[in-house]
Amino acid sequence: MILYAAADLIWATKIKGTADALGVAARPARTLEMLEARLADSPVTALLVDLEKGEEALTLIARGQAAGVRVLAWGPHVAKDMLQAARDAGATDVMTRGAFDHNLPELLTRLGAE
């Protein structure tokens, strides 16, 4: 199962719709409490985190990393400090929003198969 924490409904809908179309199981984990519940009740292969969630994003990344889950974080290409903070928090992969959007089907397929 892939978990995702999107900063807005547009990204959440895009991730869920793409995952459903590909037959990949994906569920939201918008808060640390939701992430903890999902980690406890499902085998999780990846966590996708929108860095526009601010400090909460870094908390989610660190928790996912501590749980041994592959963490992919994405954010605006101009927010270099934010992208570096995600790396520092333990994100396995960090990419710009454009790269994430462009590669979403391939990312979900690959992460869903792990």
PDB file of N, CA and C in Angstrom:
ATOM      1  N   MET A   1       0.834  -1.169   0.000  1.00  0.00           N
ATOM      2  CA  MET A   1       0.000   0.000   0.000  1.00  0.00           C
ATOM      3  C   MET A   1       0.886   1.241   0.000  1.00  0.00           C
ATOM      4  N   ILE A   2       0.453   2.228  -0.769  1.00  0.00           N
ATOM      5  CA  ILE A   2       1.123   3.527  -0.797  1.00  0.00           C
ATOM      6  C   ILE A   2       0.269   4.504  -0.004  1.00  0.00           C
ATOM      7  N   LEU A   3       0.911   5.253   0.871  1.00  0.00           N
ATOM      8  CA  LEU A   3       0.241   6.310   1.614  1.00  0.00           C
ATOM      9  C   LEU A   3       0.654   7.656   1.029  1.00  0.00           C
ATOM     10  N   TYR A   4      -0.225   8.635   1.143  1.00  0.00           N
ATOM     11  CA  TYR A   4       0.117   9.965   0.632  1.00  0.00           C
ATOM     12  C   TYR A   4      -0.416  11.051   1.548  1.00  0.00           C
ATOM     13  N   ALA A   5       0.370  12.114   1.663  1.00  0.00           N
ATOM     14  CA  ALA A   5       0.004  13.290   2.444  1.00  0.00           C
ATOM     15  C   ALA A   5       0.136  14.492   1.522  1.00  0.00           C
ATOM     16  N   ALA A   6      -0.980  14.931   0.990  1.00  0.00           N
ATOM     17  CA  ALA A   6      -1.005  16.054   0.056  1.00  0.00           C
ATOM     18  C   ALA A   6      -1.470  17.311   0.779  1.00  0.00           C
ATOM     19  N   ALA A   7      -0.951  18.444   0.355  1.00  0.00           N
ATOM     20  CA  ALA A   7      -1.295  19.721   0.988  1.00  0.00           C
ATOM     21  C   ALA A   7      -2.673  20.220   0.572  1.00  0.00           C
ATOM     22  N   ASP A   8      -3.181  19.732  -0.548  1.00  0.00           N
ATOM     23  CA  ASP A   8      -4.495  20.203  -0.996  1.00  0.00           C
ATOM     24  C   ASP A   8      -5.261  19.081  -1.686  1.00  0.00           C
ATOM     25  N   LEU A   9      -6.529  19.329  -1.897  1.00  0.00           N
ATOM     26  CA  LEU A   9      -7.426  18.331  -2.483  1.00  0.00           C
ATOM     27  C   LEU A   9      -7.060  18.009  -3.933  1.00  0.00           C
ATOM     28  N   ILE A  10      -6.516  18.960  -4.642  1.00  0.00           N
ATOM     29  CA  ILE A  10      -6.148  18.722  -6.044  1.00  0.00           C
ATOM     30  C   ILE A  10      -5.100  17.610  -6.135  1.00  0.00           C
ATOM     31  N   TRP A  11      -4.035  17.714  -5.332  1.00  0.00           N
ATOM     32  CA  TRP A  11      -2.997  16.679  -5.356  1.00  0.00           C
ATOM     33  C   TRP A  11      -3.521  15.356  -4.835  1.00  0.00           C
ATOM     34  N   ALA A  12      -4.304  15.404  -3.769  1.00  0.00           N
ATOM     35  CA  ALA A  12      -4.848  14.166  -3.216  1.00  0.00           C
ATOM     36  C   ALA A  12      -5.704  13.435  -4.247  1.00  0.00           C
ATOM     37  N   THR A  13      -6.536  14.185  -4.957  1.00  0.00           N
ATOM     38  CA  THR A  13      -7.404  13.598  -5.978  1.00  0.00           C
ATOM     39  C   THR A  13      -6.587  13.038  -7.136  1.00  0.00           C
ATOM     40  N   LYS A  14      -5.557  13.767  -7.527  1.00  0.00           N
ATOM     41  CA  LYS A  14      -4.706  13.316  -8.639  1.00  0.00           C
ATOM     42  C   LYS A  14      -3.984  12.013  -8.282  1.00  0.00           C
ATOM     43  N   ILE A  15      -3.428  11.952  -7.081  1.00  0.00           N
ATOM     44  CA  ILE A  15      -2.713  10.746  -6.654  1.00  0.00           C
ATOM     45  C   ILE A  15      -3.677   9.564  -6.559  1.00  0.00           C
ATOM     46  N   LYS A  16      -4.794   9.760  -5.885  1.00  0.00           N
ATOM     47  CA  LYS A  16      -5.763   8.677  -5.704  1.00  0.00           C
ATOM     48  C   LYS A  16      -6.338   8.221  -7.037  1.00  0.00           C
ATOM     49  N   GLY A  17      -6.702   9.169  -7.904  1.00  0.00           N
ATOM     50  CA  GLY A  17      -7.257   8.805  -9.205  1.00  0.00           C
ATOM     51  C   GLY A  17      -6.272   8.044 -10.069  1.00  0.00           C
ATOM     52  N   THR A  18      -5.020   8.478 -10.072  1.00  0.00           N
ATOM     53  CA  THR A  18      -3.991   7.797 -10.858  1.00  0.00           C
ATOM     54  C   THR A  18      -3.731   6.403 -10.297  1.00  0.00           C
ATOM     55  N   ALA A  19      -3.647   6.299  -8.977  1.00  0.00           N
ATOM     56  CA  ALA A  19      -3.422   4.991  -8.353  1.00  0.00           C
ATOM     57  C   ALA A  19      -4.574   4.039  -8.661  1.00  0.00           C
ATOM     58  N   ASP A  20      -5.798   4.527  -8.546  1.00  0.00           N
ATOM     59  CA  ASP A  20      -6.955   3.678  -8.843  1.00  0.00           C
ATOM     60  C   ASP A  20      -6.930   3.199 -10.293  1.00  0.00           C
ATOM     61  N   ALA A  21      -6.601   4.104 -11.216  1.00  0.00           N
ATOM     62  CA  ALA A  21      -6.547   3.747 -12.637  1.00  0.00           C
ATOM     63  C   ALA A  21      -5.485   2.686 -12.914  1.00  0.00           C
ATOM     64  N   LEU A  22      -4.425   2.695 -12.119  1.00  0.00           N
ATOM     65  CA  LEU A  22      -3.336   1.741 -12.294  1.00  0.00           C
ATOM     66  C   LEU A  22      -3.533   0.457 -11.486  1.00  0.00           C
ATOM     67  N   GLY A  23      -4.552   0.440 -10.631  1.00  0.00           N
ATOM     68  CA  GLY A  23      -4.771  -0.715  -9.775  1.00  0.00           C
ATOM     69  C   GLY A  23      -3.809  -0.792  -8.609  1.00  0.00           C
ATOM     70  N   VAL A  24      -3.305   0.353  -8.179  1.00  0.00           N
ATOM     71  CA  VAL A  24      -2.356   0.426  -7.067  1.00  0.00           C
ATOM     72  C   VAL A  24      -3.111   0.902  -5.826  1.00  0.00           C
ATOM     73  N   ALA A  25      -2.961   0.199  -4.730  1.00  0.00           N
ATOM     74  CA  ALA A  25      -3.628   0.587  -3.485  1.00  0.00           C
ATOM     75  C   ALA A  25      -2.968   1.837  -2.913  1.00  0.00           C
ATOM     76  N   ALA A  26      -3.774   2.869  -2.655  1.00  0.00           N
ATOM     77  CA  ALA A  26      -3.266   4.126  -2.096  1.00  0.00           C
ATOM     78  C   ALA A  26      -4.307   4.708  -1.152  1.00  0.00           C
ATOM     79  N   ARG A  27      -3.828   5.180  -0.010  1.00  0.00           N
ATOM     80  CA  ARG A  27      -4.718   5.773   0.995  1.00  0.00           C
ATOM     81  C   ARG A  27      -4.078   7.034   1.556  1.00  0.00           C
ATOM     82  N   PRO A  28      -4.895   7.993   1.967  1.00  0.00           N
ATOM     83  CA  PRO A  28      -4.340   9.215   2.542  1.00  0.00           C
ATOM     84  C   PRO A  28      -3.801   9.000   3.953  1.00  0.00           C
ATOM     85  N   ALA A  29      -2.807   9.782   4.289  1.00  0.00           N
ATOM     86  CA  ALA A  29      -2.261   9.853   5.648  1.00  0.00           C
ATOM     87  C   ALA A  29      -1.934  11.324   5.881  1.00  0.00           C
ATOM     88  N   ARG A  30      -2.984  12.120   6.093  1.00  0.00           N
ATOM     89  CA  ARG A  30      -2.841  13.569   6.146  1.00  0.00           C
ATOM     90  C   ARG A  30      -2.170  14.097   7.406  1.00  0.00           C
ATOM     91  N   THR A  31      -2.220  13.325   8.474  1.00  0.00           N
ATOM     92  CA  THR A  31      -1.646  13.758   9.744  1.00  0.00           C
ATOM     93  C   THR A  31      -0.767  12.648  10.310  1.00  0.00           C
ATOM     94  N   LEU A  32      -0.010  12.977  11.329  1.00  0.00           N
ATOM     95  CA  LEU A  32       0.826  11.972  11.979  1.00  0.00           C
ATOM     96  C   LEU A  32      -0.044  10.867  12.583  1.00  0.00           C
ATOM     97  N   GLU A  33      -1.184  11.238  13.137  1.00  0.00           N
ATOM     98  CA  GLU A  33      -2.084  10.246  13.718  1.00  0.00           C
ATOM     99  C   GLU A  33      -2.605   9.288  12.646  1.00  0.00           C
ATOM    100  N   MET A  34      -2.982   9.824  11.488  1.00  0.00           N
ATOM    101  CA  MET A  34      -3.437   8.960  10.386  1.00  0.00           C
ATOM    102  C   MET A  34      -2.311   8.059   9.903  1.00  0.00           C
ATOM    103  N   LEU A  35      -1.111   8.608   9.821  1.00  0.00           N
ATOM    104  CA  LEU A  35       0.034   7.807   9.387  1.00  0.00           C
ATOM    105  C   LEU A  35       0.274   6.663  10.360  1.00  0.00           C
ATOM    106  N   GLU A  36       0.234   6.944  11.659  1.00  0.00           N
ATOM    107  CA  GLU A  36       0.440   5.897  12.664  1.00  0.00           C
ATOM    108  C   GLU A  36      -0.610   4.797  12.521  1.00  0.00           C
ATOM    109  N   ALA A  37      -1.871   5.192  12.319  1.00  0.00           N
ATOM    110  CA  ALA A  37      -2.946   4.201  12.173  1.00  0.00           C
ATOM    111  C   ALA A  37      -2.738   3.348  10.931  1.00  0.00           C
ATOM    112  N   ARG A  38      -2.359   3.963   9.818  1.00  0.00           N
ATOM    113  CA  ARG A  38      -2.146   3.210   8.572  1.00  0.00           C
ATOM    114  C   ARG A  38      -0.960   2.264   8.699  1.00  0.00           C
ATOM    115  N   LEU A  39       0.103   2.728   9.349  1.00  0.00           N
ATOM    116  CA  LEU A  39       1.268   1.865   9.540  1.00  0.00           C
ATOM    117  C   LEU A  39       0.920   0.661  10.403  1.00  0.00           C
ATOM    118  N   ALA A  40       0.008   0.847  11.346  1.00  0.00           N
ATOM    119  CA  ALA A  40      -0.379  -0.237  12.251  1.00  0.00           C
ATOM    120  C   ALA A  40      -1.310  -1.253  11.590  1.00  0.00           C
ATOM    121  N   ASP A  41      -2.103  -0.808  10.589  1.00  0.00           N
ATOM    122  CA  ASP A  41      -3.117  -1.727  10.051  1.00  0.00           C
ATOM    123  C   ASP A  41      -2.851  -2.236   8.641  1.00  0.00           C
ATOM    124  N   SER A  42      -1.783  -1.798   8.006  1.00  0.00           N
ATOM    125  CA  SER A  42      -1.532  -2.211   6.621  1.00  0.00           C
ATOM    126  C   SER A  42      -0.040  -2.327   6.342  1.00  0.00           C
ATOM    127  N   PRO A  43       0.341  -3.236   5.448  1.00  0.00           N
ATOM    128  CA  PRO A  43       1.736  -3.239   5.001  1.00  0.00           C
ATOM    129  C   PRO A  43       1.940  -2.064   4.047  1.00  0.00           C
ATOM    130  N   VAL A  44       2.806  -1.159   4.408  1.00  0.00           N
ATOM    131  CA  VAL A  44       3.029   0.067   3.639  1.00  0.00           C
ATOM    132  C   VAL A  44       4.352  -0.031   2.899  1.00  0.00           C
ATOM    133  N   THR A  45       4.326   0.217   1.582  1.00  0.00           N
ATOM    134  CA  THR A  45       5.552   0.167   0.788  1.00  0.00           C
ATOM    135  C   THR A  45       6.161   1.541   0.565  1.00  0.00           C
ATOM    136  N   ALA A  46       5.311   2.590   0.599  1.00  0.00           N
ATOM    137  CA  ALA A  46       5.833   3.925   0.333  1.00  0.00           C
ATOM    138  C   ALA A  46       4.931   4.990   0.943  1.00  0.00           C
ATOM    139  N   LEU A  47       5.534   6.139   1.198  1.00  0.00           N
ATOM    140  CA  LEU A  47       4.826   7.308   1.688  1.00  0.00           C
ATOM    141  C   LEU A  47       5.202   8.481   0.791  1.00  0.00           C
ATOM    142  N   LEU A  48       4.191   9.113   0.199  1.00  0.00           N
ATOM    143  CA  LEU A  48       4.388  10.296  -0.637  1.00  0.00           C
ATOM    144  C   LEU A  48       4.031  11.519   0.183  1.00  0.00           C
ATOM    145  N   VAL A  49       4.931  12.500   0.254  1.00  0.00           N
ATOM    146  CA  VAL A  49       4.705  13.669   1.103  1.00  0.00           C
ATOM    147  C   VAL A  49       4.893  14.955   0.306  1.00  0.00           C
ATOM    148  N   ASP A  50       3.845  15.780   0.322  1.00  0.00           N
ATOM    149  CA  ASP A  50       3.856  17.098  -0.298  1.00  0.00           C
ATOM    150  C   ASP A  50       4.529  18.062   0.673  1.00  0.00           C
ATOM    151  N   LEU A  51       5.645  18.629   0.277  1.00  0.00           N
ATOM    152  CA  LEU A  51       6.396  19.511   1.162  1.00  0.00           C
ATOM    153  C   LEU A  51       5.675  20.820   1.457  1.00  0.00           C
ATOM    154  N   GLU A  52       4.629  21.111   0.714  1.00  0.00           N
ATOM    155  CA  GLU A  52       3.869  22.316   1.004  1.00  0.00           C
ATOM    156  C   GLU A  52       3.016  22.140   2.266  1.00  0.00           C
ATOM    157  N   LYS A  53       3.068  20.989   2.894  1.00  0.00           N
ATOM    158  CA  LYS A  53       2.427  20.799   4.193  1.00  0.00           C
ATOM    159  C   LYS A  53       3.258  21.439   5.309  1.00  0.00           C
ATOM    160  N   GLY A  54       4.418  21.978   4.966  1.00  0.00           N
ATOM    161  CA  GLY A  54       5.247  22.692   5.936  1.00  0.00           C
ATOM    162  C   GLY A  54       5.935  21.762   6.920  1.00  0.00           C
ATOM    163  N   GLU A  55       5.998  22.197   8.177  1.00  0.00           N
ATOM    164  CA  GLU A  55       6.690  21.425   9.211  1.00  0.00           C
ATOM    165  C   GLU A  55       6.089  20.039   9.391  1.00  0.00           C
ATOM    166  N   GLU A  56       4.780  19.930   9.199  1.00  0.00           N
ATOM    167  CA  GLU A  56       4.128  18.627   9.321  1.00  0.00           C
ATOM    168  C   GLU A  56       4.711  17.633   8.316  1.00  0.00           C
ATOM    169  N   ALA A  57       5.086  18.117   7.140  1.00  0.00           N
ATOM    170  CA  ALA A  57       5.687  17.248   6.127  1.00  0.00           C
ATOM    171  C   ALA A  57       6.967  16.616   6.653  1.00  0.00           C
ATOM    172  N   LEU A  58       7.775  17.401   7.315  1.00  0.00           N
ATOM    173  CA  LEU A  58       9.044  16.893   7.834  1.00  0.00           C
ATOM    174  C   LEU A  58       8.808  15.858   8.934  1.00  0.00           C
ATOM    175  N   THR A  59       7.787  16.071   9.747  1.00  0.00           N
ATOM    176  CA  THR A  59       7.433  15.105  10.784  1.00  0.00           C
ATOM    177  C   THR A  59       6.992  13.789  10.155  1.00  0.00           C
ATOM    178  N   LEU A  60       6.168  13.866   9.114  1.00  0.00           N
ATOM    179  CA  LEU A  60       5.702  12.667   8.421  1.00  0.00           C
ATOM    180  C   LEU A  60       6.865  11.926   7.766  1.00  0.00           C
ATOM    181  N   ILE A  61       7.767  12.677   7.146  1.00  0.00           N
ATOM    182  CA  ILE A  61       8.938  12.064   6.506  1.00  0.00           C
ATOM    183  C   ILE A  61       9.767  11.309   7.533  1.00  0.00           C
ATOM    184  N   ALA A  62      10.057  11.957   8.647  1.00  0.00           N
ATOM    185  CA  ALA A  62      10.885  11.334   9.678  1.00  0.00           C
ATOM    186  C   ALA A  62      10.219  10.072  10.221  1.00  0.00           C
ATOM    187  N   ARG A  63       8.911  10.109  10.421  1.00  0.00           N
ATOM    188  CA  ARG A  63       8.203   8.935  10.940  1.00  0.00           C
ATOM    189  C   ARG A  63       8.185   7.798   9.924  1.00  0.00           C
ATOM    190  N   GLY A  64       7.948   8.133   8.669  1.00  0.00           N
ATOM    191  CA  GLY A  64       7.980   7.113   7.625  1.00  0.00           C
ATOM    192  C   GLY A  64       9.347   6.471   7.510  1.00  0.00           C
ATOM    193  N   GLN A  65      10.363   7.284   7.549  1.00  0.00           N
ATOM    194  CA  GLN A  65      11.737   6.785   7.461  1.00  0.00           C
ATOM    195  C   GLN A  65      12.045   5.887   8.654  1.00  0.00           C
ATOM    196  N   ALA A  66      11.613   6.286   9.848  1.00  0.00           N
ATOM    197  CA  ALA A  66      11.852   5.486  11.050  1.00  0.00           C
ATOM    198  C   ALA A  66      11.138   4.135  10.982  1.00  0.00           C
ATOM    199  N   ALA A  67      10.019   4.100  10.259  1.00  0.00           N
ATOM    200  CA  ALA A  67       9.269   2.855  10.105  1.00  0.00           C
ATOM    201  C   ALA A  67       9.837   1.979   8.993  1.00  0.00           C
ATOM    202  N   GLY A  68      10.878   2.446   8.325  1.00  0.00           N
ATOM    203  CA  GLY A  68      11.485   1.663   7.255  1.00  0.00           C
ATOM    204  C   GLY A  68      10.733   1.729   5.939  1.00  0.00           C
ATOM    205  N   VAL A  69       9.912   2.752   5.787  1.00  0.00           N
ATOM    206  CA  VAL A  69       9.112   2.929   4.574  1.00  0.00           C
ATOM    207  C   VAL A  69       9.861   3.838   3.606  1.00  0.00           C
ATOM    208  N   ARG A  70       9.796   3.524   2.337  1.00  0.00           N
ATOM    209  CA  ARG A  70      10.381   4.396   1.322  1.00  0.00           C
ATOM    210  C   ARG A  70       9.570   5.690   1.290  1.00  0.00           C
ATOM    211  N   VAL A  71      10.236   6.823   1.430  1.00  0.00           N
ATOM    212  CA  VAL A  71       9.556   8.121   1.485  1.00  0.00           C
ATOM    213  C   VAL A  71       9.960   8.952   0.280  1.00  0.00           C
ATOM    214  N   LEU A  72       8.945   9.377  -0.470  1.00  0.00           N
ATOM    215  CA  LEU A  72       9.157  10.252  -1.614  1.00  0.00           C
ATOM    216  C   LEU A  72       8.505  11.596  -1.288  1.00  0.00           C
ATOM    217  N   ALA A  73       9.300  12.666  -1.321  1.00  0.00           N
ATOM    218  CA  ALA A  73       8.793  14.009  -1.036  1.00  0.00           C
ATOM    219  C   ALA A  73       8.908  14.858  -2.289  1.00  0.00           C
ATOM    220  N   TRP A  74       7.927  15.755  -2.466  1.00  0.00           N
ATOM    221  CA  TRP A  74       7.971  16.652  -3.610  1.00  0.00           C
ATOM    222  C   TRP A  74       7.570  18.057  -3.176  1.00  0.00           C
ATOM    223  N   GLY A  75       8.101  19.047  -3.926  1.00  0.00           N
ATOM    224  CA  GLY A  75       7.786  20.432  -3.621  1.00  0.00           C
ATOM    225  C   GLY A  75       8.185  21.342  -4.766  1.00  0.00           C
ATOM    226  N   PRO A  76       7.932  22.631  -4.609  1.00  0.00           N
ATOM    227  CA  PRO A  76       8.236  23.599  -5.658  1.00  0.00           C
ATOM    228  C   PRO A  76       9.741  23.632  -5.972  1.00  0.00           C
ATOM    229  N   HIS A  77      10.071  23.755  -7.241  1.00  0.00           N
ATOM    230  CA  HIS A  77      11.486  23.751  -7.643  1.00  0.00           C
ATOM    231  C   HIS A  77      12.251  24.947  -7.092  1.00  0.00           C
ATOM    232  N   VAL A  78      11.563  26.017  -6.772  1.00  0.00           N
ATOM    233  CA  VAL A  78      12.239  27.214  -6.257  1.00  0.00           C
ATOM    234  C   VAL A  78      12.508  27.122  -4.755  1.00  0.00           C
ATOM    235  N   ALA A  79      11.935  26.136  -4.092  1.00  0.00           N
ATOM    236  CA  ALA A  79      12.072  25.983  -2.636  1.00  0.00           C
ATOM    237  C   ALA A  79      13.231  25.039  -2.311  1.00  0.00           C
ATOM    238  N   LYS A  80      14.425  25.454  -2.658  1.00  0.00           N
ATOM    239  CA  LYS A  80      15.601  24.598  -2.475  1.00  0.00           C
ATOM    240  C   LYS A  80      15.827  24.225  -1.009  1.00  0.00           C
ATOM    241  N   ASP A  81      15.579  25.155  -0.095  1.00  0.00           N
ATOM    242  CA  ASP A  81      15.748  24.850   1.327  1.00  0.00           C
ATOM    243  C   ASP A  81      14.756  23.790   1.783  1.00  0.00           C
ATOM    244  N   MET A  82      13.538  23.871   1.281  1.00  0.00           N
ATOM    245  CA  MET A  82      12.501  22.902   1.633  1.00  0.00           C
ATOM    246  C   MET A  82      12.876  21.518   1.106  1.00  0.00           C
ATOM    247  N   LEU A  83      13.363  21.464  -0.114  1.00  0.00           N
ATOM    248  CA  LEU A  83      13.771  20.186  -0.701  1.00  0.00           C
ATOM    249  C   LEU A  83      14.935  19.580   0.087  1.00  0.00           C
ATOM    250  N   GLN A  84      15.884  20.427   0.505  1.00  0.00           N
ATOM    251  CA  GLN A  84      17.015  19.939   1.297  1.00  0.00           C
ATOM    252  C   GLN A  84      16.554  19.492   2.684  1.00  0.00           C
ATOM    253  N   ALA A  85      15.611  20.200   3.273  1.00  0.00           N
ATOM    254  CA  ALA A  85      15.092  19.813   4.585  1.00  0.00           C
ATOM    255  C   ALA A  85      14.451  18.425   4.514  1.00  0.00           C
ATOM    256  N   ALA A  86      13.801  18.115   3.397  1.00  0.00           N
ATOM    257  CA  ALA A  86      13.209  16.784   3.219  1.00  0.00           C
ATOM    258  C   ALA A  86      14.300  15.718   3.175  1.00  0.00           C
ATOM    259  N   ARG A  87      15.376  16.003   2.486  1.00  0.00           N
ATOM    260  CA  ARG A  87      16.495  15.052   2.442  1.00  0.00           C
ATOM    261  C   ARG A  87      17.047  14.852   3.856  1.00  0.00           C
ATOM    262  N   ASP A  88      17.224  15.970   4.557  1.00  0.00           N
ATOM    263  CA  ASP A  88      17.774  15.909   5.909  1.00  0.00           C
ATOM    264  C   ASP A  88      16.861  15.146   6.865  1.00  0.00           C
ATOM    265  N   ALA A  89      15.544  15.201   6.635  1.00  0.00           N
ATOM    266  CA  ALA A  89      14.581  14.510   7.489  1.00  0.00           C
ATOM    267  C   ALA A  89      14.530  13.008   7.194  1.00  0.00           C
ATOM    268  N   GLY A  90      15.154  12.583   6.094  1.00  0.00           N
ATOM    269  CA  GLY A  90      15.221  11.156   5.790  1.00  0.00           C
ATOM    270  C   GLY A  90      14.458  10.700   4.571  1.00  0.00           C
ATOM    271  N   ALA A  91      13.962  11.629   3.746  1.00  0.00           N
ATOM    272  CA  ALA A  91      13.265  11.223   2.528  1.00  0.00           C
ATOM    273  C   ALA A  91      14.202  10.411   1.637  1.00  0.00           C
ATOM    274  N   THR A  92      13.701   9.311   1.134  1.00  0.00           N
ATOM    275  CA  THR A  92      14.474   8.454   0.243  1.00  0.00           C
ATOM    276  C   THR A  92      14.677   9.139  -1.106  1.00  0.00           C
ATOM    277  N   ASP A  93      13.610   9.753  -1.605  1.00  0.00           N
ATOM    278  CA  ASP A  93      13.627  10.456  -2.883  1.00  0.00           C
ATOM    279  C   ASP A  93      13.009  11.832  -2.686  1.00  0.00           C
ATOM    280  N   VAL A  94      13.607  12.839  -3.303  1.00  0.00           N
ATOM    281  CA  VAL A  94      13.091  14.204  -3.252  1.00  0.00           C
ATOM    282  C   VAL A  94      13.066  14.721  -4.674  1.00  0.00           C
ATOM    283  N   MET A  95      11.933  15.282  -5.081  1.00  0.00           N
ATOM    284  CA  MET A  95      11.841  15.795  -6.444  1.00  0.00           C
ATOM    285  C   MET A  95      10.980  17.045  -6.505  1.00  0.00           C
ATOM    286  N   THR A  96      11.130  17.735  -7.608  1.00  0.00           N
ATOM    287  CA  THR A  96      10.321  18.928  -7.812  1.00  0.00           C
ATOM    288  C   THR A  96       8.882  18.530  -8.118  1.00  0.00           C
ATOM    289  N   ARG A  97       7.988  19.468  -7.900  1.00  0.00           N
ATOM    290  CA  ARG A  97       6.569  19.220  -8.167  1.00  0.00           C
ATOM    291  C   ARG A  97       6.357  18.839  -9.630  1.00  0.00           C
ATOM    292  N   GLY A  98       7.043  19.511 -10.548  1.00  0.00           N
ATOM    293  CA  GLY A  98       6.904  19.204 -11.972  1.00  0.00           C
ATOM    294  C   GLY A  98       7.337  17.785 -12.300  1.00  0.00           C
ATOM    295  N   ALA A  99       8.457  17.370 -11.740  1.00  0.00           N
ATOM    296  CA  ALA A  99       8.942  16.005 -11.981  1.00  0.00           C
ATOM    297  C   ALA A  99       7.990  14.979 -11.378  1.00  0.00           C
ATOM    298  N   PHE A 100       7.475  15.269 -10.192  1.00  0.00           N
ATOM    299  CA  PHE A 100       6.517  14.371  -9.550  1.00  0.00           C
ATOM    300  C   PHE A 100       5.266  14.234 -10.410  1.00  0.00           C
ATOM    301  N   ASP A 101       4.735  15.344 -10.841  1.00  0.00           N
ATOM    302  CA  ASP A 101       3.522  15.348 -11.663  1.00  0.00           C
ATOM    303  C   ASP A 101       3.747  14.581 -12.968  1.00  0.00           C
ATOM    304  N   HIS A 102       4.842  14.863 -13.634  1.00  0.00           N
ATOM    305  CA  HIS A 102       5.146  14.234 -14.921  1.00  0.00           C
ATOM    306  C   HIS A 102       5.333  12.717 -14.798  1.00  0.00           C
ATOM    307  N   ASN A 103       5.922  12.281 -13.698  1.00  0.00           N
ATOM    308  CA  ASN A 103       6.274  10.869 -13.529  1.00  0.00           C
ATOM    309  C   ASN A 103       5.336  10.096 -12.618  1.00  0.00           C
ATOM    310  N   LEU A 104       4.216  10.696 -12.214  1.00  0.00           N
ATOM    311  CA  LEU A 104       3.338  10.076 -11.225  1.00  0.00           C
ATOM    312  C   LEU A 104       2.912   8.653 -11.591  1.00  0.00           C
ATOM    313  N   PRO A 105       2.438   8.379 -12.796  1.00  0.00           N
ATOM    314  CA  PRO A 105       2.033   6.988 -13.099  1.00  0.00           C
ATOM    315  C   PRO A 105       3.179   5.988 -12.930  1.00  0.00           C
ATOM    316  N   GLU A 106       4.354   6.341 -13.410  1.00  0.00           N
ATOM    317  CA  GLU A 106       5.502   5.434 -13.299  1.00  0.00           C
ATOM    318  C   GLU A 106       5.919   5.263 -11.837  1.00  0.00           C
ATOM    319  N   LEU A 107       5.892   6.360 -11.076  1.00  0.00           N
ATOM    320  CA  LEU A 107       6.259   6.294  -9.660  1.00  0.00           C
ATOM    321  C   LEU A 107       5.308   5.374  -8.903  1.00  0.00           C
ATOM    322  N   LEU A 108       4.012   5.554  -9.116  1.00  0.00           N
ATOM    323  CA  LEU A 108       3.033   4.737  -8.415  1.00  0.00           C
ATOM    324  C   LEU A 108       3.151   3.264  -8.794  1.00  0.00           C
ATOM    325  N   THR A 109       3.362   3.010 -10.061  1.00  0.00           N
ATOM    326  CA  THR A 109       3.523   1.623 -10.511  1.00  0.00           C
ATOM    327  C   THR A 109       4.744   0.994  -9.854  1.00  0.00           C
ATOM    328  N   ARG A 110       5.859   1.692  -9.851  1.00  0.00           N
ATOM    329  CA  ARG A 110       7.097   1.166  -9.267  1.00  0.00           C
ATOM    330  C   ARG A 110       6.963   0.994  -7.762  1.00  0.00           C
ATOM    331  N   LEU A 111       6.456   2.016  -7.075  1.00  0.00           N
ATOM    332  CA  LEU A 111       6.350   1.955  -5.618  1.00  0.00           C
ATOM    333  C   LEU A 111       5.299   0.938  -5.168  1.00  0.00           C
ATOM    334  N   GLY A 112       4.252   0.782  -5.940  1.00  0.00           N
ATOM    335  CA  GLY A 112       3.219  -0.198  -5.617  1.00  0.00           C
ATOM    336  C   GLY A 112       3.692  -1.618  -5.765  1.00  0.00           C
ATOM    337  N   ALA A 113       4.695  -1.832  -6.622  1.00  0.00           N
ATOM    338  CA  ALA A 113       5.221  -3.175  -6.845  1.00  0.00           C
ATOM    339  C   ALA A 113       6.280  -3.576  -5.832  1.00  0.00           C
ATOM    340  N   GLU A 114       6.788  -2.627  -5.072  1.00  0.00           N
ATOM    341  CA  GLU A 114       7.871  -2.929  -4.110  1.00  0.00           C
ATOM    342  C   GLU A 114       7.357  -3.650  -2.894  1.00  0.00           C
TER     343      GLU A 114
END
